[in-house]
């Protein structure tokens, strides 16, 4: 069985308020499902690794093959929990350690 390669994305959340972890992940999942359907969303293997509410920075993990799908979905997010929001990708890395070193 082949090992699944993963990638980590550092995200900057520009919002009027401070969204909670659950609100942010719900918005990301909904964006992916809206663009690529349930099957596409299940292939991404999305998960929230870290979320710093005070800095509005998050780290998410996804499958290597679906990084571009996730990035396109993040660009389509316009609101989180009813508040106007934009999600920007600060960077992508293969390890959390390198991601923290470069972008956080």
C-alpha atoms as a PDB file:
ATOM      1  CA  UNK A   1       0.000   0.000   0.000  1.00  0.00           C
ATOM      2  CA  UNK A   2       1.312   3.398  -0.972  1.00  0.00           C
ATOM      3  CA  UNK A   3       1.786   6.104   1.646  1.00  0.00           C
ATOM      4  CA  UNK A   4      -0.364   9.234   1.242  1.00  0.00           C
ATOM      5  CA  UNK A   5       1.684  12.382   0.761  1.00  0.00           C
ATOM      6  CA  UNK A   6       0.449  15.398   2.668  1.00  0.00           C
ATOM      7  CA  UNK A   7       0.906  19.127   2.368  1.00  0.00           C
ATOM      8  CA  UNK A   8       0.399  21.823   4.968  1.00  0.00           C
ATOM      9  CA  UNK A   9      -1.028  25.244   4.123  1.00  0.00           C
ATOM     10  CA  UNK A  10      -0.594  28.387   6.212  1.00  0.00           C
ATOM     11  CA  UNK A  11      -3.691  30.590   5.953  1.00  0.00           C
ATOM     12  CA  UNK A  12      -4.323  34.228   6.834  1.00  0.00           C
ATOM     13  CA  UNK A  13      -7.984  34.980   7.634  1.00  0.00           C
ATOM     14  CA  UNK A  14      -9.027  38.587   6.924  1.00  0.00           C
ATOM     15  CA  UNK A  15     -12.324  39.113   8.702  1.00  0.00           C
ATOM     16  CA  UNK A  16     -14.266  41.759  10.597  1.00  0.00           C
ATOM     17  CA  UNK A  17     -14.655  39.461  13.588  1.00  0.00           C
ATOM     18  CA  UNK A  18     -12.676  36.512  14.877  1.00  0.00           C
ATOM     19  CA  UNK A  19     -14.152  33.243  13.589  1.00  0.00           C
ATOM     20  CA  UNK A  20     -13.951  30.158  15.774  1.00  0.00           C
ATOM     21  CA  UNK A  21     -12.167  26.990  14.664  1.00  0.00           C
ATOM     22  CA  UNK A  22     -15.447  25.273  13.873  1.00  0.00           C
ATOM     23  CA  UNK A  23     -16.794  28.216  11.857  1.00  0.00           C
ATOM     24  CA  UNK A  24     -13.591  28.415   9.805  1.00  0.00           C
ATOM     25  CA  UNK A  25     -13.453  24.682   9.023  1.00  0.00           C
ATOM     26  CA  UNK A  26     -17.175  24.631   8.183  1.00  0.00           C
ATOM     27  CA  UNK A  27     -16.608  27.452   5.686  1.00  0.00           C
ATOM     28  CA  UNK A  28     -13.619  25.658   4.122  1.00  0.00           C
ATOM     29  CA  UNK A  29     -15.467  22.324   3.863  1.00  0.00           C
ATOM     30  CA  UNK A  30     -18.533  24.036   2.381  1.00  0.00           C
ATOM     31  CA  UNK A  31     -16.386  25.826  -0.215  1.00  0.00           C
ATOM     32  CA  UNK A  32     -14.686  22.583  -1.278  1.00  0.00           C
ATOM     33  CA  UNK A  33     -17.995  20.702  -1.407  1.00  0.00           C
ATOM     34  CA  UNK A  34     -19.639  23.497  -3.385  1.00  0.00           C
ATOM     35  CA  UNK A  35     -16.917  23.513  -6.056  1.00  0.00           C
ATOM     36  CA  UNK A  36     -16.047  19.802  -6.260  1.00  0.00           C
ATOM     37  CA  UNK A  37     -18.947  17.950  -4.632  1.00  0.00           C
ATOM     38  CA  UNK A  38     -18.884  15.401  -1.846  1.00  0.00           C
ATOM     39  CA  UNK A  39     -16.516  13.055  -3.673  1.00  0.00           C
ATOM     40  CA  UNK A  40     -13.988  15.828  -4.333  1.00  0.00           C
ATOM     41  CA  UNK A  41     -14.231  17.003  -0.727  1.00  0.00           C
ATOM     42  CA  UNK A  42     -13.593  13.497   0.595  1.00  0.00           C
ATOM     43  CA  UNK A  43     -10.455  13.148  -1.560  1.00  0.00           C
ATOM     44  CA  UNK A  44      -8.856  16.245  -0.006  1.00  0.00           C
ATOM     45  CA  UNK A  45      -8.503  14.705   3.500  1.00  0.00           C
ATOM     46  CA  UNK A  46      -8.738  18.196   5.000  1.00  0.00           C
ATOM     47  CA  UNK A  47      -8.003  18.751   8.669  1.00  0.00           C
ATOM     48  CA  UNK A  48      -7.232  21.752  10.841  1.00  0.00           C
ATOM     49  CA  UNK A  49      -3.850  21.392  12.533  1.00  0.00           C
ATOM     50  CA  UNK A  50      -3.483  24.733  14.336  1.00  0.00           C
ATOM     51  CA  UNK A  51      -5.516  27.905  14.675  1.00  0.00           C
ATOM     52  CA  UNK A  52      -4.293  31.107  16.291  1.00  0.00           C
ATOM     53  CA  UNK A  53      -7.416  33.215  16.787  1.00  0.00           C
ATOM     54  CA  UNK A  54      -5.538  36.319  17.988  1.00  0.00           C
ATOM     55  CA  UNK A  55      -3.345  36.364  14.857  1.00  0.00           C
ATOM     56  CA  UNK A  56      -6.114  35.000  12.583  1.00  0.00           C
ATOM     57  CA  UNK A  57      -3.683  32.411  11.216  1.00  0.00           C
ATOM     58  CA  UNK A  58      -4.477  28.749  10.604  1.00  0.00           C
ATOM     59  CA  UNK A  59      -2.595  25.665   9.444  1.00  0.00           C
ATOM     60  CA  UNK A  60      -4.507  23.002   7.532  1.00  0.00           C
ATOM     61  CA  UNK A  61      -3.410  19.639   6.134  1.00  0.00           C
ATOM     62  CA  UNK A  62      -4.491  18.201   2.791  1.00  0.00           C
ATOM     63  CA  UNK A  63      -3.499  15.447   0.396  1.00  0.00           C
ATOM     64  CA  UNK A  64      -0.657  16.353  -1.979  1.00  0.00           C
ATOM     65  CA  UNK A  65      -2.736  15.615  -5.080  1.00  0.00           C
ATOM     66  CA  UNK A  66      -5.501  18.034  -4.054  1.00  0.00           C
ATOM     67  CA  UNK A  67      -3.529  21.139  -3.034  1.00  0.00           C
ATOM     68  CA  UNK A  68      -4.700  23.082  -6.092  1.00  0.00           C
ATOM     69  CA  UNK A  69      -8.333  22.103  -5.467  1.00  0.00           C
ATOM     70  CA  UNK A  70      -8.117  23.354  -1.892  1.00  0.00           C
ATOM     71  CA  UNK A  71      -6.420  26.607  -2.921  1.00  0.00           C
ATOM     72  CA  UNK A  72      -9.161  27.307  -5.475  1.00  0.00           C
ATOM     73  CA  UNK A  73     -11.813  26.582  -2.859  1.00  0.00           C
ATOM     74  CA  UNK A  74     -10.166  28.910  -0.330  1.00  0.00           C
ATOM     75  CA  UNK A  75     -10.234  31.720  -2.881  1.00  0.00           C
ATOM     76  CA  UNK A  76     -13.993  31.290  -3.240  1.00  0.00           C
ATOM     77  CA  UNK A  77     -14.731  31.920   0.456  1.00  0.00           C
ATOM     78  CA  UNK A  78     -16.457  35.272   0.930  1.00  0.00           C
ATOM     79  CA  UNK A  79     -18.055  34.861   4.358  1.00  0.00           C
ATOM     80  CA  UNK A  80     -17.482  32.931   7.572  1.00  0.00           C
ATOM     81  CA  UNK A  81     -20.334  32.806  10.095  1.00  0.00           C
ATOM     82  CA  UNK A  82     -22.155  35.621   8.297  1.00  0.00           C
ATOM     83  CA  UNK A  83     -19.196  38.021   8.430  1.00  0.00           C
ATOM     84  CA  UNK A  84     -17.339  39.166   5.325  1.00  0.00           C
ATOM     85  CA  UNK A  85     -14.107  37.204   5.095  1.00  0.00           C
ATOM     86  CA  UNK A  86     -11.205  36.518   2.759  1.00  0.00           C
ATOM     87  CA  UNK A  87      -8.805  33.609   3.229  1.00  0.00           C
ATOM     88  CA  UNK A  88      -5.278  33.998   1.847  1.00  0.00           C
ATOM     89  CA  UNK A  89      -2.705  31.225   1.481  1.00  0.00           C
ATOM     90  CA  UNK A  90       0.589  32.365   2.997  1.00  0.00           C
ATOM     91  CA  UNK A  91       2.452  29.280   1.875  1.00  0.00           C
ATOM     92  CA  UNK A  92       2.552  25.529   1.334  1.00  0.00           C
ATOM     93  CA  UNK A  93       5.045  23.078   2.790  1.00  0.00           C
ATOM     94  CA  UNK A  94       5.610  19.357   3.176  1.00  0.00           C
ATOM     95  CA  UNK A  95       6.242  19.567   6.930  1.00  0.00           C
ATOM     96  CA  UNK A  96       4.764  21.609   9.754  1.00  0.00           C
ATOM     97  CA  UNK A  97       8.254  22.481  11.004  1.00  0.00           C
ATOM     98  CA  UNK A  98       9.262  24.079   7.682  1.00  0.00           C
ATOM     99  CA  UNK A  99       5.901  25.851   7.442  1.00  0.00           C
ATOM    100  CA  UNK A 100       6.330  27.443  10.866  1.00  0.00           C
ATOM    101  CA  UNK A 101       9.891  28.459  10.059  1.00  0.00           C
ATOM    102  CA  UNK A 102       8.995  30.146   6.742  1.00  0.00           C
ATOM    103  CA  UNK A 103       5.541  31.596   7.249  1.00  0.00           C
ATOM    104  CA  UNK A 104       4.525  31.815  10.936  1.00  0.00           C
END
